[in-house]
Amino acid sequence: MKKLLIVDDAAFMRLSIRNMMKNYEIEIVGEAANGAIGVSMYKELRPDVVTMDITMPEMTGIEALKAIKAFDPQAKVIMVSAMGQEGMVKEAIISGAKTFIVKPFKEEFLYQTICKVLGI
């Protein structure tokens, strides 16, 4: 079973992603409310894939992405953005994100994106 770490400052978004993945062979190994916690959890849990919000307090998703990629160049991170964050999405891709999804998104789209990034 593939392991997913959810990093988002919005509790409802973390819960939404958790609920969307319960019907699939994806294990939620952790949830982080900001980028700093997300980086720490990534190092501890070594998930197969991460969903990472862009705009968060303490450490942004872009900063967290860079820290995770510095720790593990093979890390698979999917950036999650709201509409109007195209510039940040571009920076995220340049910084090593595998792809991005725009909120709101449907369950099937999230799952298909995760599978594509994992090559399954």
Protein backbone atom coordinates (compact mmCIF):
# COMPACT_ATOMS: atom_id res chain seq x y z
CA MET A 1 0.00 0.00 0.00
CA LYS A 2 1.37 3.43 -0.95
CA LYS A 3 1.85 6.01 1.79
CA LEU A 4 0.57 9.60 1.56
CA LEU A 5 1.46 12.61 3.72
CA ILE A 6 -1.03 15.50 3.63
CA VAL A 7 0.35 18.99 4.30
CA ASP A 8 -2.28 21.75 4.46
CA ASP A 9 -3.05 24.43 7.04
CA ALA A 10 -6.81 23.96 6.54
CA ALA A 11 -8.10 21.12 8.72
CA PHE A 12 -11.13 20.66 6.45
CA MET A 13 -8.82 20.18 3.43
CA ARG A 14 -6.75 17.55 5.25
CA LEU A 15 -9.97 15.79 6.25
CA SER A 16 -11.32 16.03 2.68
CA ILE A 17 -8.21 14.43 1.19
CA ARG A 18 -8.22 11.74 3.90
CA ASN A 19 -11.88 10.95 3.16
CA MET A 20 -11.29 10.94 -0.62
CA MET A 21 -8.50 8.36 -0.29
CA LYS A 22 -10.27 5.94 2.07
CA ASN A 23 -11.70 3.97 -0.90
CA TYR A 24 -8.28 3.39 -2.46
CA GLU A 25 -5.08 1.51 -1.66
CA ILE A 26 -3.52 4.69 -0.26
CA GLU A 27 -2.53 4.86 3.41
CA ILE A 28 -2.55 8.30 5.03
CA VAL A 29 0.58 8.12 7.20
CA GLY A 30 0.40 11.67 8.51
CA GLU A 31 -1.08 15.14 8.36
CA ALA A 32 0.75 18.42 8.90
CA ALA A 33 -0.75 21.88 9.44
CA ASN A 34 2.25 23.78 8.06
CA GLY A 35 5.34 23.30 5.94
CA ALA A 36 7.79 23.04 8.86
CA ILE A 37 5.84 20.16 10.41
CA GLY A 38 5.44 18.63 6.94
CA VAL A 39 9.22 18.56 6.37
CA SER A 40 9.79 17.00 9.79
CA MET A 41 7.09 14.38 9.18
CA TYR A 42 8.48 13.62 5.72
CA LYS A 43 11.90 12.86 7.20
CA GLU A 44 10.36 10.64 9.87
CA LEU A 45 7.67 8.83 7.86
CA ARG A 46 9.23 8.66 4.36
CA PRO A 47 5.90 8.64 2.48
CA ASP A 48 5.68 7.63 -1.18
CA VAL A 49 3.90 10.87 -2.08
CA VAL A 50 2.99 14.21 -0.49
CA THR A 51 0.12 16.60 -1.18
CA MET A 52 1.41 20.08 -0.29
CA ASP A 53 -0.64 23.25 0.00
CA ILE A 54 1.20 26.31 -1.32
CA THR A 55 0.02 29.03 1.07
CA MET A 56 0.61 28.14 4.72
CA PRO A 57 1.86 29.92 7.85
CA GLU A 58 5.33 29.41 9.33
CA MET A 59 6.80 27.75 6.22
CA THR A 60 5.15 27.95 2.80
CA GLY A 61 4.58 24.94 0.60
CA ILE A 62 7.35 26.12 -1.76
CA GLU A 63 9.84 26.41 1.12
CA ALA A 64 8.79 22.99 2.43
CA LEU A 65 9.07 21.49 -1.06
CA LYS A 66 12.63 22.81 -1.39
CA ALA A 67 13.56 21.43 2.05
CA ILE A 68 12.08 18.01 1.25
CA LYS A 69 13.83 17.87 -2.14
CA ALA A 70 17.14 18.85 -0.49
CA PHE A 71 16.67 15.96 1.95
CA ASP A 72 15.37 13.50 -0.67
CA PRO A 73 15.86 14.43 -4.34
CA GLN A 74 13.54 11.54 -5.32
CA ALA A 75 10.60 12.90 -3.26
CA LYS A 76 7.26 12.98 -5.05
CA VAL A 77 5.34 16.12 -4.11
CA ILE A 78 2.01 17.24 -5.58
CA MET A 79 1.33 20.92 -5.00
CA VAL A 80 -2.22 21.89 -4.14
CA SER A 81 -3.16 25.44 -5.08
CA ALA A 82 -6.13 27.74 -5.08
CA MET A 83 -7.11 29.62 -8.20
CA GLY A 84 -4.91 32.62 -8.91
CA GLN A 85 -1.65 31.09 -7.70
CA GLU A 86 -0.24 30.35 -11.16
CA GLY A 87 3.06 32.13 -10.47
CA MET A 88 3.63 30.10 -7.33
CA VAL A 89 2.70 26.89 -9.14
CA LYS A 90 5.35 27.64 -11.77
CA GLU A 91 7.93 28.21 -9.02
CA ALA A 92 6.88 24.93 -7.38
CA ILE A 93 7.40 22.96 -10.61
CA ILE A 94 10.81 24.58 -11.12
CA SER A 95 11.62 23.68 -7.49
CA GLY A 96 10.86 20.00 -8.06
CA ALA A 97 7.12 19.41 -7.60
CA LYS A 98 5.89 16.58 -9.82
CA THR A 99 2.62 18.32 -10.68
CA PHE A 100 -0.11 20.44 -9.19
CA ILE A 101 -3.84 20.31 -8.66
CA VAL A 102 -6.16 23.27 -8.27
CA LYS A 103 -8.73 23.45 -5.47
CA PRO A 104 -11.48 22.42 -5.49
CA PHE A 105 -10.87 19.01 -7.06
CA LYS A 106 -12.78 15.76 -7.37
CA GLU A 107 -11.82 12.49 -5.69
CA GLU A 108 -11.14 10.65 -8.97
CA PHE A 109 -8.88 13.44 -10.20
CA LEU A 110 -6.84 13.40 -6.98
CA TYR A 111 -6.47 9.63 -7.11
CA GLN A 112 -5.52 9.64 -10.81
CA THR A 113 -2.94 12.35 -10.16
CA ILE A 114 -1.42 10.39 -7.27
CA CYS A 115 -1.28 7.22 -9.40
CA LYS A 116 0.35 9.10 -12.28
CA VAL A 117 3.01 10.59 -9.99
CA LEU A 118 3.69 7.18 -8.43
CA GLY A 119 3.72 5.44 -11.80
CA ILE A 120 0.96 2.99 -10.85
